[in-house]
């Protein structure tokens, strides 16, 4: 297998090309969200049929302007390659793999560009901080949790809106396949987190029944 060719490096991102000239983007030290990298998410196609996939979102800080510009330039090149003049193709920003986190209700996503990527055919390669590949699905999900920081390699591609065997036309998109992930560092897990219950049950342990009375060991009120 031929190694990808490095085309351009900017702070926080690299652009590669595979042996067929297709682009690959490496996005460094982004925060992971909605990660399903070991076990697949129970997703569905546009027509409602099951389509389990490995997927995740990389939260790219908006301060990394050069990395963002590299992503957009790659998308623009992909779209431009589909046709020129009267045959030029337009893709709505809502149908691209990069979205504005400021438009989400979740405030943790504000100040970031959201890079969504997925894969249905084979599980993305997952590597720990030492570069060793992790193959156990449970260990992958334990290592790559929502809130950790990771580097991700994605393959942007154009979807023309036509699905073989389907009469319905779907919106044209620029999507991204998720090729691999590399664990960078721990972060605060998203969500409420585990509750420290070390003192919450002190009254019950002392005999309170939680109903305003006390209980003895036989369960009788005293």
N, C-alpha and C. Protein backbone atom coordinates (compact mmCIF):
# COMPACT_ATOMS: atom_id res chain seq x y z
N UNK A 1 0.84 -1.19 0.00
CA UNK A 1 0.00 0.00 0.00
C UNK A 1 0.88 1.25 0.00
N UNK A 2 0.63 2.13 -0.96
CA UNK A 2 1.44 3.34 -1.08
C UNK A 2 1.13 4.31 0.05
N UNK A 3 2.19 4.95 0.55
CA UNK A 3 2.01 5.94 1.61
C UNK A 3 1.44 7.23 1.02
N UNK A 4 0.54 7.91 1.75
CA UNK A 4 0.01 9.18 1.27
C UNK A 4 1.12 10.21 1.09
N UNK A 5 0.94 11.08 0.14
CA UNK A 5 1.92 12.13 -0.15
C UNK A 5 1.52 13.41 0.57
N UNK A 6 2.43 13.97 1.35
CA UNK A 6 2.16 15.21 2.05
C UNK A 6 2.16 16.37 1.06
N UNK A 7 1.06 17.13 1.04
CA UNK A 7 0.91 18.25 0.10
C UNK A 7 1.12 19.59 0.79
N UNK A 8 0.54 19.73 1.98
CA UNK A 8 0.62 21.04 2.66
C UNK A 8 0.49 20.85 4.16
N UNK A 9 1.24 21.66 4.91
CA UNK A 9 1.17 21.65 6.36
C UNK A 9 0.88 23.05 6.87
N UNK A 10 -0.10 23.16 7.75
CA UNK A 10 -0.41 24.41 8.43
C UNK A 10 -0.54 24.09 9.91
N UNK A 11 -0.50 25.08 10.79
CA UNK A 11 -0.67 24.79 12.22
C UNK A 11 -2.00 24.09 12.49
N UNK A 12 -1.93 22.87 13.00
CA UNK A 12 -3.13 22.14 13.37
C UNK A 12 -3.71 21.25 12.29
N UNK A 13 -3.11 21.21 11.11
CA UNK A 13 -3.68 20.38 10.04
C UNK A 13 -2.64 20.08 8.97
N UNK A 14 -2.87 18.96 8.28
CA UNK A 14 -2.04 18.58 7.14
C UNK A 14 -2.93 18.05 6.02
N UNK A 15 -2.55 18.36 4.79
CA UNK A 15 -3.24 17.84 3.62
C UNK A 15 -2.34 16.83 2.93
N UNK A 16 -2.90 15.64 2.67
CA UNK A 16 -2.19 14.58 1.95
C UNK A 16 -2.99 14.22 0.70
N UNK A 17 -2.36 13.45 -0.18
CA UNK A 17 -3.06 12.83 -1.31
C UNK A 17 -2.68 11.36 -1.34
N UNK A 18 -3.68 10.51 -1.65
CA UNK A 18 -3.38 9.09 -1.79
C UNK A 18 -2.83 8.82 -3.19
N UNK A 19 -2.57 7.56 -3.51
CA UNK A 19 -1.94 7.24 -4.79
C UNK A 19 -2.85 7.49 -5.99
N UNK A 20 -4.13 7.82 -5.72
CA UNK A 20 -5.06 8.16 -6.80
C UNK A 20 -5.35 9.65 -6.87
N UNK A 21 -4.67 10.41 -6.04
CA UNK A 21 -4.85 11.86 -6.03
C UNK A 21 -5.99 12.35 -5.17
N UNK A 22 -6.59 11.45 -4.41
CA UNK A 22 -7.69 11.85 -3.54
C UNK A 22 -7.16 12.50 -2.27
N UNK A 23 -7.84 13.54 -1.77
CA UNK A 23 -7.32 14.25 -0.60
C UNK A 23 -7.57 13.50 0.71
N UNK A 24 -6.63 13.66 1.63
CA UNK A 24 -6.77 13.20 3.00
C UNK A 24 -6.40 14.38 3.89
N UNK A 25 -7.17 14.59 4.94
CA UNK A 25 -6.90 15.67 5.87
C UNK A 25 -6.59 15.11 7.25
N UNK A 26 -5.50 15.58 7.84
CA UNK A 26 -5.19 15.25 9.23
C UNK A 26 -5.45 16.49 10.07
N UNK A 27 -6.32 16.36 11.05
CA UNK A 27 -6.67 17.46 11.94
C UNK A 27 -6.15 17.14 13.33
N UNK A 28 -5.26 17.97 13.82
CA UNK A 28 -4.51 17.66 15.04
C UNK A 28 -5.16 18.20 16.31
N UNK A 29 -5.13 17.37 17.36
CA UNK A 29 -5.51 17.78 18.71
C UNK A 29 -6.86 18.50 18.74
N UNK A 30 -7.86 17.85 18.15
CA UNK A 30 -9.23 18.36 18.21
C UNK A 30 -9.97 17.61 19.31
N UNK A 31 -10.99 18.23 19.84
CA UNK A 31 -11.74 17.59 20.92
C UNK A 31 -12.83 16.70 20.33
N UNK A 32 -12.91 15.46 20.80
CA UNK A 32 -13.87 14.51 20.26
C UNK A 32 -15.24 14.65 20.89
N UNK A 33 -16.27 14.46 20.08
CA UNK A 33 -17.64 14.50 20.56
C UNK A 33 -18.47 13.48 19.79
N UNK A 34 -19.47 12.92 20.47
CA UNK A 34 -20.34 11.90 19.86
C UNK A 34 -19.50 10.81 19.20
N UNK A 35 -18.57 10.26 19.95
CA UNK A 35 -17.64 9.27 19.42
C UNK A 35 -18.21 7.86 19.50
N UNK A 36 -18.20 7.19 18.37
CA UNK A 36 -18.53 5.76 18.27
C UNK A 36 -17.41 5.14 17.44
N UNK A 37 -16.30 4.83 18.07
CA UNK A 37 -15.11 4.41 17.36
C UNK A 37 -14.77 2.94 17.56
N UNK A 38 -15.31 2.34 18.63
CA UNK A 38 -15.12 0.91 18.87
C UNK A 38 -16.33 0.14 18.40
N UNK A 39 -17.47 0.46 18.99
CA UNK A 39 -18.74 -0.14 18.59
C UNK A 39 -19.52 0.86 17.75
N UNK A 40 -20.24 0.36 16.77
CA UNK A 40 -20.94 1.24 15.83
C UNK A 40 -22.16 1.89 16.45
N UNK A 41 -22.49 3.07 15.95
CA UNK A 41 -23.73 3.75 16.32
C UNK A 41 -24.87 3.17 15.49
N UNK A 42 -26.05 3.10 16.06
CA UNK A 42 -27.23 2.56 15.36
C UNK A 42 -27.87 3.66 14.52
N UNK A 43 -27.19 4.06 13.45
CA UNK A 43 -27.70 5.13 12.58
C UNK A 43 -28.60 4.57 11.49
N UNK A 44 -29.25 5.50 10.76
CA UNK A 44 -30.13 5.12 9.66
C UNK A 44 -29.83 5.95 8.42
N UNK A 45 -30.16 5.40 7.26
CA UNK A 45 -30.02 6.13 6.00
C UNK A 45 -31.12 7.17 5.88
N UNK A 46 -31.02 8.00 4.82
CA UNK A 46 -32.05 9.01 4.59
C UNK A 46 -33.44 8.41 4.41
N UNK A 47 -33.50 7.16 3.93
CA UNK A 47 -34.79 6.53 3.70
C UNK A 47 -35.27 5.74 4.92
N UNK A 48 -34.53 5.81 6.02
CA UNK A 48 -34.95 5.16 7.25
C UNK A 48 -34.43 3.76 7.47
N UNK A 49 -33.72 3.21 6.50
CA UNK A 49 -33.18 1.85 6.66
C UNK A 49 -31.96 1.89 7.58
N UNK A 50 -31.72 0.82 8.35
CA UNK A 50 -30.59 0.80 9.28
C UNK A 50 -29.25 0.97 8.56
N UNK A 51 -28.36 1.73 9.16
CA UNK A 51 -27.04 1.95 8.59
C UNK A 51 -26.04 2.18 9.72
N UNK A 52 -25.72 1.12 10.48
CA UNK A 52 -24.77 1.28 11.58
C UNK A 52 -23.42 1.77 11.08
N UNK A 53 -22.81 2.66 11.84
CA UNK A 53 -21.53 3.22 11.39
C UNK A 53 -20.66 3.63 12.58
N UNK A 54 -19.37 3.64 12.31
CA UNK A 54 -18.42 4.25 13.23
C UNK A 54 -18.36 5.73 12.87
N UNK A 55 -18.39 6.57 13.87
CA UNK A 55 -18.41 8.00 13.56
C UNK A 55 -17.93 8.84 14.74
N UNK A 56 -17.75 10.11 14.46
CA UNK A 56 -17.36 11.03 15.50
C UNK A 56 -17.29 12.45 14.97
N UNK A 57 -17.23 13.39 15.89
CA UNK A 57 -17.08 14.81 15.55
C UNK A 57 -15.78 15.30 16.16
N UNK A 58 -14.98 15.98 15.37
CA UNK A 58 -13.79 16.65 15.87
C UNK A 58 -14.07 18.13 15.98
N UNK A 59 -13.89 18.69 17.18
CA UNK A 59 -14.18 20.10 17.42
C UNK A 59 -12.91 20.91 17.20
N UNK A 60 -12.86 21.62 16.08
CA UNK A 60 -11.70 22.41 15.69
C UNK A 60 -11.87 23.84 16.21
N UNK A 61 -11.00 24.30 17.11
CA UNK A 61 -11.14 25.67 17.62
C UNK A 61 -11.10 26.70 16.49
N UNK A 62 -11.97 27.70 16.58
CA UNK A 62 -12.04 28.71 15.52
C UNK A 62 -10.78 29.55 15.45
N UNK A 63 -9.98 29.54 16.51
CA UNK A 63 -8.73 30.29 16.48
C UNK A 63 -7.73 29.70 15.48
N UNK A 64 -7.92 28.44 15.11
CA UNK A 64 -7.02 27.80 14.14
C UNK A 64 -7.49 28.11 12.72
N UNK A 65 -7.29 29.36 12.35
CA UNK A 65 -7.82 29.87 11.08
C UNK A 65 -7.19 29.14 9.89
N UNK A 66 -5.89 28.89 9.94
CA UNK A 66 -5.22 28.25 8.80
C UNK A 66 -5.72 26.82 8.59
N UNK A 67 -5.99 26.13 9.69
CA UNK A 67 -6.52 24.77 9.56
C UNK A 67 -7.92 24.80 8.94
N UNK A 68 -8.74 25.73 9.38
CA UNK A 68 -10.08 25.90 8.81
C UNK A 68 -9.98 26.22 7.32
N UNK A 69 -9.11 27.15 6.96
CA UNK A 69 -8.96 27.53 5.55
C UNK A 69 -8.54 26.35 4.69
N UNK A 70 -7.69 25.48 5.24
CA UNK A 70 -7.25 24.30 4.49
C UNK A 70 -8.42 23.34 4.26
N UNK A 71 -9.27 23.19 5.25
CA UNK A 71 -10.46 22.34 5.10
C UNK A 71 -11.37 22.90 4.02
N UNK A 72 -11.64 24.20 4.08
CA UNK A 72 -12.55 24.83 3.11
C UNK A 72 -11.95 24.77 1.70
N UNK A 73 -10.66 25.01 1.57
CA UNK A 73 -10.03 24.95 0.25
C UNK A 73 -10.13 23.54 -0.33
N UNK A 74 -10.02 22.54 0.52
CA UNK A 74 -10.14 21.15 0.06
C UNK A 74 -11.56 20.86 -0.41
N UNK A 75 -12.55 21.34 0.33
CA UNK A 75 -13.95 21.17 -0.07
C UNK A 75 -14.21 21.87 -1.39
N UNK A 76 -13.74 23.11 -1.52
CA UNK A 76 -13.96 23.88 -2.76
C UNK A 76 -13.35 23.18 -3.97
N UNK A 77 -12.19 22.58 -3.79
CA UNK A 77 -11.54 21.87 -4.90
C UNK A 77 -12.34 20.64 -5.30
N UNK A 78 -12.87 19.93 -4.32
CA UNK A 78 -13.69 18.75 -4.61
C UNK A 78 -14.94 19.14 -5.39
N UNK A 79 -15.60 20.20 -4.95
CA UNK A 79 -16.82 20.65 -5.63
C UNK A 79 -16.51 21.14 -7.04
N UNK A 80 -15.43 21.90 -7.18
CA UNK A 80 -15.06 22.44 -8.50
C UNK A 80 -14.74 21.34 -9.49
N UNK A 81 -14.26 20.21 -9.01
CA UNK A 81 -13.91 19.10 -9.89
C UNK A 81 -15.13 18.40 -10.49
N UNK A 82 -16.31 18.69 -9.97
CA UNK A 82 -17.52 18.04 -10.45
C UNK A 82 -18.06 18.66 -11.74
N UNK A 83 -17.61 19.86 -12.08
CA UNK A 83 -18.08 20.49 -13.31
C UNK A 83 -17.83 21.98 -13.31
N UNK A 84 -17.78 22.57 -14.51
CA UNK A 84 -17.55 24.00 -14.65
C UNK A 84 -18.62 24.61 -15.55
N UNK A 85 -18.74 25.94 -15.50
CA UNK A 85 -19.71 26.63 -16.34
C UNK A 85 -21.13 26.19 -16.04
N UNK A 86 -21.85 25.80 -17.10
CA UNK A 86 -23.23 25.38 -16.92
C UNK A 86 -23.34 24.08 -16.12
N UNK A 87 -22.27 23.32 -16.09
CA UNK A 87 -22.27 22.06 -15.36
C UNK A 87 -21.72 22.20 -13.93
N UNK A 88 -21.48 23.44 -13.52
CA UNK A 88 -20.94 23.67 -12.18
C UNK A 88 -21.92 23.16 -11.12
N UNK A 89 -21.38 22.60 -10.09
CA UNK A 89 -22.17 22.02 -9.00
C UNK A 89 -22.11 22.93 -7.78
N UNK A 90 -23.25 23.09 -7.13
CA UNK A 90 -23.30 23.85 -5.89
C UNK A 90 -23.71 22.93 -4.74
N UNK A 91 -23.04 23.07 -3.62
CA UNK A 91 -23.37 22.30 -2.43
C UNK A 91 -23.65 23.28 -1.30
N UNK A 92 -24.82 23.16 -0.70
CA UNK A 92 -25.17 24.03 0.41
C UNK A 92 -24.24 23.79 1.59
N UNK A 93 -23.92 24.85 2.32
CA UNK A 93 -23.04 24.72 3.47
C UNK A 93 -23.61 23.73 4.48
N UNK A 94 -24.93 23.64 4.57
CA UNK A 94 -25.56 22.71 5.51
C UNK A 94 -25.30 21.26 5.13
N UNK A 95 -24.86 21.02 3.89
CA UNK A 95 -24.61 19.66 3.42
C UNK A 95 -23.11 19.36 3.29
N UNK A 96 -22.32 20.07 4.07
CA UNK A 96 -20.88 19.81 4.12
C UNK A 96 -20.51 19.20 5.47
N UNK A 97 -19.39 18.54 5.54
CA UNK A 97 -19.00 17.85 6.77
C UNK A 97 -18.49 18.79 7.85
N UNK A 98 -18.34 20.07 7.53
CA UNK A 98 -17.91 21.05 8.53
C UNK A 98 -19.07 22.00 8.82
N UNK A 99 -19.38 22.15 10.11
CA UNK A 99 -20.48 22.99 10.52
C UNK A 99 -20.02 23.95 11.62
N UNK A 100 -20.82 25.00 11.83
CA UNK A 100 -20.50 26.04 12.82
C UNK A 100 -21.04 25.64 14.18
N UNK A 101 -20.15 25.40 15.15
CA UNK A 101 -20.57 25.01 16.47
C UNK A 101 -21.36 26.08 17.20
N UNK A 102 -21.20 27.36 16.81
CA UNK A 102 -21.94 28.43 17.45
C UNK A 102 -23.44 28.33 17.19
N UNK A 103 -23.82 27.56 16.19
CA UNK A 103 -25.23 27.41 15.86
C UNK A 103 -25.90 26.27 16.62
N UNK A 104 -25.14 25.57 17.42
CA UNK A 104 -25.69 24.47 18.22
C UNK A 104 -26.13 24.96 19.59
N UNK A 105 -27.15 24.32 20.14
CA UNK A 105 -27.60 24.67 21.48
C UNK A 105 -26.56 24.29 22.53
N UNK A 106 -25.80 23.25 22.27
CA UNK A 106 -24.78 22.78 23.20
C UNK A 106 -23.65 23.80 23.27
N UNK A 107 -23.52 24.48 24.40
CA UNK A 107 -22.54 25.54 24.54
C UNK A 107 -21.11 25.04 24.49
N UNK A 108 -20.89 23.75 24.77
CA UNK A 108 -19.52 23.22 24.70
C UNK A 108 -18.99 23.26 23.26
N UNK A 109 -19.89 23.36 22.29
CA UNK A 109 -19.47 23.38 20.89
C UNK A 109 -19.23 24.79 20.37
N UNK A 110 -19.62 25.77 21.14
CA UNK A 110 -19.42 27.15 20.70
C UNK A 110 -17.93 27.46 20.62
N UNK A 111 -17.57 28.27 19.63
CA UNK A 111 -16.16 28.61 19.43
C UNK A 111 -15.39 27.57 18.65
N UNK A 112 -16.11 26.62 18.05
CA UNK A 112 -15.46 25.55 17.30
C UNK A 112 -16.14 25.35 15.93
N UNK A 113 -15.36 24.82 15.02
CA UNK A 113 -15.90 24.24 13.80
C UNK A 113 -16.04 22.74 14.04
N UNK A 114 -17.17 22.18 13.64
CA UNK A 114 -17.46 20.78 13.90
C UNK A 114 -17.19 19.95 12.65
N UNK A 115 -16.25 19.03 12.75
CA UNK A 115 -15.85 18.18 11.63
C UNK A 115 -16.47 16.80 11.86
N UNK A 116 -17.46 16.45 11.04
CA UNK A 116 -18.15 15.16 11.18
C UNK A 116 -17.63 14.18 10.16
N UNK A 117 -17.30 12.98 10.61
CA UNK A 117 -16.79 11.95 9.71
C UNK A 117 -17.29 10.59 10.18
N UNK A 118 -17.47 9.68 9.24
CA UNK A 118 -18.00 8.36 9.59
C UNK A 118 -17.47 7.31 8.62
N UNK A 119 -17.71 6.06 8.96
CA UNK A 119 -17.30 4.93 8.12
C UNK A 119 -18.25 3.77 8.36
N UNK A 120 -18.64 3.08 7.29
CA UNK A 120 -19.57 1.96 7.41
C UNK A 120 -18.93 0.63 7.06
N UNK A 121 -17.87 0.62 6.27
CA UNK A 121 -17.32 -0.63 5.77
C UNK A 121 -16.30 -1.27 6.71
N UNK A 122 -15.43 -0.47 7.28
CA UNK A 122 -14.42 -1.03 8.19
C UNK A 122 -14.13 -0.03 9.31
N UNK A 123 -13.85 -0.58 10.48
CA UNK A 123 -13.62 0.27 11.64
C UNK A 123 -12.36 1.12 11.45
N UNK A 124 -12.45 2.42 11.74
CA UNK A 124 -11.26 3.26 11.62
C UNK A 124 -10.13 2.77 12.52
N UNK A 125 -8.91 2.90 12.04
CA UNK A 125 -7.76 2.53 12.85
C UNK A 125 -7.67 3.45 14.06
N UNK A 126 -7.47 2.87 15.24
CA UNK A 126 -7.35 3.65 16.47
C UNK A 126 -5.99 3.39 17.10
N UNK A 127 -5.29 4.46 17.47
CA UNK A 127 -3.96 4.33 18.06
C UNK A 127 -3.88 5.10 19.37
N UNK A 128 -3.12 4.55 20.32
CA UNK A 128 -2.94 5.23 21.59
C UNK A 128 -1.85 6.29 21.47
N UNK A 129 -1.51 6.93 22.57
CA UNK A 129 -0.56 8.05 22.55
C UNK A 129 0.83 7.61 22.11
N UNK A 130 1.15 6.33 22.26
CA UNK A 130 2.45 5.80 21.84
C UNK A 130 2.42 5.32 20.38
N UNK A 131 1.28 5.47 19.72
CA UNK A 131 1.16 5.07 18.33
C UNK A 131 0.81 3.62 18.11
N UNK A 132 0.56 2.88 19.21
CA UNK A 132 0.21 1.47 19.08
C UNK A 132 -1.25 1.32 18.72
N UNK A 133 -1.53 0.45 17.76
CA UNK A 133 -2.91 0.25 17.33
C UNK A 133 -3.71 -0.50 18.40
N UNK A 134 -4.93 -0.01 18.65
CA UNK A 134 -5.85 -0.66 19.57
C UNK A 134 -6.87 -1.42 18.73
N UNK A 135 -7.04 -2.70 18.99
CA UNK A 135 -7.93 -3.51 18.16
C UNK A 135 -9.20 -3.95 18.89
N UNK A 136 -9.21 -3.91 20.20
CA UNK A 136 -10.38 -4.33 20.97
C UNK A 136 -11.39 -3.19 21.02
N UNK A 137 -12.62 -3.46 20.61
CA UNK A 137 -13.64 -2.42 20.52
C UNK A 137 -13.92 -1.77 21.86
N UNK A 138 -13.98 -2.57 22.92
CA UNK A 138 -14.26 -2.02 24.24
C UNK A 138 -13.14 -1.10 24.70
N UNK A 139 -11.90 -1.49 24.43
CA UNK A 139 -10.77 -0.65 24.81
C UNK A 139 -10.73 0.63 24.00
N UNK A 140 -11.12 0.55 22.74
CA UNK A 140 -11.18 1.75 21.90
C UNK A 140 -12.16 2.75 22.48
N UNK A 141 -13.36 2.27 22.85
CA UNK A 141 -14.37 3.17 23.39
C UNK A 141 -13.98 3.69 24.77
N UNK A 142 -13.20 2.93 25.49
CA UNK A 142 -12.72 3.39 26.80
C UNK A 142 -11.66 4.48 26.61
N UNK A 143 -10.86 4.35 25.58
CA UNK A 143 -9.78 5.32 25.33
C UNK A 143 -10.30 6.59 24.68
N UNK A 144 -11.16 6.42 23.70
CA UNK A 144 -11.68 7.57 22.94
C UNK A 144 -13.10 7.87 23.41
N UNK A 145 -13.20 8.73 24.40
CA UNK A 145 -14.49 9.13 24.96
C UNK A 145 -14.79 10.57 24.54
N UNK A 146 -16.05 10.92 24.57
CA UNK A 146 -16.44 12.28 24.21
C UNK A 146 -15.90 13.26 25.25
N UNK A 147 -15.03 14.14 24.79
CA UNK A 147 -14.37 15.08 25.66
C UNK A 147 -12.86 14.95 25.62
N UNK A 148 -12.36 13.81 25.14
CA UNK A 148 -10.91 13.64 25.01
C UNK A 148 -10.41 14.41 23.79
N UNK A 149 -9.10 14.52 23.68
CA UNK A 149 -8.49 15.19 22.53
C UNK A 149 -7.81 14.15 21.64
N UNK A 150 -8.03 14.28 20.36
CA UNK A 150 -7.52 13.30 19.41
C UNK A 150 -7.09 13.98 18.12
N UNK A 151 -6.31 13.25 17.35
CA UNK A 151 -6.00 13.66 15.98
C UNK A 151 -6.73 12.70 15.07
N UNK A 152 -7.36 13.23 14.04
CA UNK A 152 -8.17 12.40 13.15
C UNK A 152 -7.74 12.59 11.70
N UNK A 153 -7.79 11.49 10.95
CA UNK A 153 -7.53 11.53 9.51
C UNK A 153 -8.84 11.23 8.79
N UNK A 154 -9.25 12.15 7.94
CA UNK A 154 -10.51 12.00 7.21
C UNK A 154 -10.27 12.05 5.72
N UNK A 155 -11.20 11.45 4.98
CA UNK A 155 -11.14 11.46 3.52
C UNK A 155 -12.41 12.16 3.00
N UNK A 156 -12.31 13.44 2.63
CA UNK A 156 -13.48 14.14 2.08
C UNK A 156 -13.87 13.56 0.71
N UNK A 157 -15.17 13.50 0.43
CA UNK A 157 -15.63 12.97 -0.84
C UNK A 157 -16.97 13.59 -1.21
N UNK A 158 -17.26 13.56 -2.50
CA UNK A 158 -18.47 14.17 -3.03
C UNK A 158 -19.56 13.12 -3.23
N UNK A 159 -20.76 13.44 -2.75
CA UNK A 159 -21.93 12.60 -2.97
C UNK A 159 -22.87 13.35 -3.90
N UNK A 160 -23.14 12.74 -5.05
CA UNK A 160 -23.93 13.41 -6.08
C UNK A 160 -25.43 13.35 -5.92
N UNK A 161 -25.92 12.70 -4.87
CA UNK A 161 -27.35 12.68 -4.62
C UNK A 161 -28.08 11.48 -5.18
N UNK A 162 -27.35 10.58 -5.85
CA UNK A 162 -27.97 9.41 -6.46
C UNK A 162 -27.50 8.15 -5.74
N UNK A 163 -28.44 7.33 -5.34
CA UNK A 163 -28.13 6.06 -4.69
C UNK A 163 -28.59 4.93 -5.60
N UNK A 164 -27.69 4.00 -5.88
CA UNK A 164 -28.02 2.89 -6.77
C UNK A 164 -29.22 2.11 -6.24
N UNK A 165 -30.20 1.90 -7.12
CA UNK A 165 -31.39 1.16 -6.74
C UNK A 165 -32.47 2.01 -6.12
N UNK A 166 -32.22 3.32 -5.97
CA UNK A 166 -33.20 4.22 -5.37
C UNK A 166 -33.65 5.25 -6.41
N UNK A 167 -34.97 5.48 -6.49
CA UNK A 167 -35.50 6.45 -7.44
C UNK A 167 -35.39 7.88 -6.91
N UNK A 168 -35.38 8.03 -5.61
CA UNK A 168 -35.37 9.35 -5.01
C UNK A 168 -33.99 9.98 -5.12
N UNK A 169 -33.97 11.30 -5.43
CA UNK A 169 -32.72 12.05 -5.47
C UNK A 169 -32.50 12.72 -4.11
N UNK A 170 -31.28 12.64 -3.61
CA UNK A 170 -30.94 13.23 -2.32
C UNK A 170 -30.07 14.46 -2.54
N UNK A 171 -29.97 15.34 -1.55
CA UNK A 171 -29.14 16.55 -1.70
C UNK A 171 -27.67 16.20 -1.95
N UNK A 172 -27.05 16.97 -2.81
CA UNK A 172 -25.61 16.81 -3.05
C UNK A 172 -24.86 17.20 -1.77
N UNK A 173 -23.79 16.48 -1.48
CA UNK A 173 -23.06 16.71 -0.24
C UNK A 173 -21.56 16.58 -0.46
N UNK A 174 -20.82 17.16 0.44
CA UNK A 174 -19.41 16.82 0.59
C UNK A 174 -19.29 16.20 1.98
N UNK A 175 -19.12 14.91 2.01
CA UNK A 175 -19.04 14.17 3.27
C UNK A 175 -17.58 13.82 3.56
N UNK A 176 -17.36 13.15 4.68
CA UNK A 176 -16.00 12.75 5.04
C UNK A 176 -16.02 11.37 5.66
N UNK A 177 -15.17 10.50 5.13
CA UNK A 177 -14.97 9.19 5.74
C UNK A 177 -13.92 9.31 6.83
N UNK A 178 -14.10 8.54 7.89
CA UNK A 178 -13.16 8.56 9.01
C UNK A 178 -12.16 7.43 8.84
N UNK A 179 -10.90 7.78 8.60
CA UNK A 179 -9.88 6.77 8.33
C UNK A 179 -9.18 6.27 9.57
N UNK A 180 -8.79 7.17 10.45
CA UNK A 180 -8.06 6.76 11.65
C UNK A 180 -8.12 7.86 12.70
N UNK A 181 -7.83 7.44 13.95
CA UNK A 181 -7.78 8.38 15.06
C UNK A 181 -6.56 8.06 15.92
N UNK A 182 -6.02 9.08 16.55
CA UNK A 182 -4.82 8.96 17.38
C UNK A 182 -5.10 9.71 18.67
N UNK A 183 -5.04 9.00 19.81
CA UNK A 183 -5.33 9.63 21.09
C UNK A 183 -4.23 10.63 21.46
N UNK A 184 -4.64 11.86 21.82
CA UNK A 184 -3.68 12.89 22.17
C UNK A 184 -3.57 13.11 23.67
N UNK A 185 -4.71 13.35 24.32
CA UNK A 185 -4.68 13.62 25.76
C UNK A 185 -6.09 13.57 26.32
N UNK A 186 -6.15 13.45 27.63
CA UNK A 186 -7.44 13.41 28.31
C UNK A 186 -8.05 14.80 28.35
N UNK A 187 -9.36 14.83 28.47
CA UNK A 187 -10.11 16.07 28.64
C UNK A 187 -11.29 15.81 29.55
N UNK A 188 -11.97 16.87 29.94
CA UNK A 188 -13.15 16.71 30.79
C UNK A 188 -14.24 16.00 29.99
N UNK A 189 -14.70 14.83 30.45
CA UNK A 189 -15.75 14.13 29.71
C UNK A 189 -17.01 14.97 29.58
N UNK A 190 -17.62 14.92 28.42
CA UNK A 190 -18.88 15.63 28.23
C UNK A 190 -20.00 14.93 29.00
N UNK A 191 -21.00 15.69 29.39
CA UNK A 191 -22.10 15.12 30.16
C UNK A 191 -21.95 15.47 31.63
N UNK A 192 -22.88 15.01 32.42
CA UNK A 192 -22.90 15.36 33.84
C UNK A 192 -21.75 14.72 34.62
N UNK A 193 -21.25 13.58 34.12
CA UNK A 193 -20.18 12.91 34.80
C UNK A 193 -20.67 12.06 35.97
N UNK A 194 -19.76 11.33 36.58
CA UNK A 194 -20.10 10.44 37.69
C UNK A 194 -20.36 11.24 38.96
N UNK A 195 -21.37 10.87 39.71
CA UNK A 195 -21.73 11.56 40.95
C UNK A 195 -20.89 11.05 42.10
N UNK A 196 -20.38 11.96 42.91
CA UNK A 196 -19.71 11.56 44.15
C UNK A 196 -20.79 11.34 45.20
N UNK A 197 -21.09 10.07 45.47
CA UNK A 197 -22.18 9.74 46.41
C UNK A 197 -21.66 9.33 47.77
N UNK A 198 -20.39 9.66 48.07
CA UNK A 198 -19.78 9.18 49.31
C UNK A 198 -20.49 9.67 50.56
N UNK A 199 -21.19 10.81 50.49
CA UNK A 199 -21.89 11.33 51.67
C UNK A 199 -23.40 11.44 51.48
N UNK A 200 -23.88 11.18 50.29
CA UNK A 200 -25.30 11.35 50.00
C UNK A 200 -26.16 10.41 50.84
N UNK A 201 -25.67 9.20 51.10
CA UNK A 201 -26.48 8.19 51.80
C UNK A 201 -26.15 8.08 53.29
N UNK A 202 -25.46 9.09 53.84
CA UNK A 202 -25.08 9.00 55.25
C UNK A 202 -26.29 8.82 56.17
N UNK A 203 -27.38 9.54 55.90
CA UNK A 203 -28.55 9.45 56.77
C UNK A 203 -29.18 8.07 56.71
N UNK A 204 -29.18 7.45 55.51
CA UNK A 204 -29.76 6.11 55.39
C UNK A 204 -28.90 5.09 56.11
N UNK A 205 -27.59 5.27 56.01
CA UNK A 205 -26.69 4.35 56.69
C UNK A 205 -26.84 4.45 58.21
N UNK A 206 -27.29 5.62 58.69
CA UNK A 206 -27.48 5.83 60.13
C UNK A 206 -28.85 5.36 60.60
N UNK A 207 -29.69 4.83 59.70
CA UNK A 207 -30.98 4.29 60.10
C UNK A 207 -32.19 5.05 59.62
N UNK A 208 -32.00 6.22 58.98
CA UNK A 208 -33.15 6.97 58.46
C UNK A 208 -33.78 6.19 57.31
N UNK A 209 -35.13 6.19 57.27
CA UNK A 209 -35.80 5.45 56.20
C UNK A 209 -36.09 6.33 54.98
N UNK A 210 -35.70 7.59 55.02
CA UNK A 210 -35.93 8.50 53.92
C UNK A 210 -37.32 9.07 53.87
N UNK A 211 -38.18 8.65 54.82
CA UNK A 211 -39.57 9.10 54.85
C UNK A 211 -39.87 9.94 56.08
N UNK A 212 -38.83 10.37 56.74
CA UNK A 212 -39.02 11.18 57.93
C UNK A 212 -38.93 10.41 59.21
N UNK A 213 -38.69 9.10 59.13
CA UNK A 213 -38.58 8.27 60.32
C UNK A 213 -37.29 7.47 60.29
N UNK A 214 -37.13 6.60 61.29
CA UNK A 214 -35.95 5.74 61.35
C UNK A 214 -36.36 4.29 61.26
N UNK A 215 -35.45 3.45 60.84
CA UNK A 215 -35.71 2.01 60.74
C UNK A 215 -34.65 1.25 61.49
N UNK A 216 -35.06 0.15 62.15
CA UNK A 216 -34.08 -0.72 62.75
C UNK A 216 -33.70 -1.79 61.77
N UNK A 217 -32.89 -2.71 62.17
CA UNK A 217 -32.40 -3.72 61.24
C UNK A 217 -33.50 -4.66 60.77
N UNK A 218 -34.63 -4.74 61.51
CA UNK A 218 -35.73 -5.62 61.10
C UNK A 218 -36.71 -4.93 60.18
N UNK A 219 -36.48 -3.65 59.91
CA UNK A 219 -37.37 -2.94 59.00
C UNK A 219 -38.54 -2.31 59.73
N UNK A 220 -38.62 -2.42 61.07
CA UNK A 220 -39.72 -1.82 61.82
C UNK A 220 -39.38 -0.39 62.19
N UNK A 221 -40.34 0.48 62.12
CA UNK A 221 -40.13 1.85 62.50
C UNK A 221 -39.92 1.94 64.02
N UNK A 222 -39.02 2.84 64.45
CA UNK A 222 -38.77 3.02 65.88
C UNK A 222 -38.86 4.51 66.21
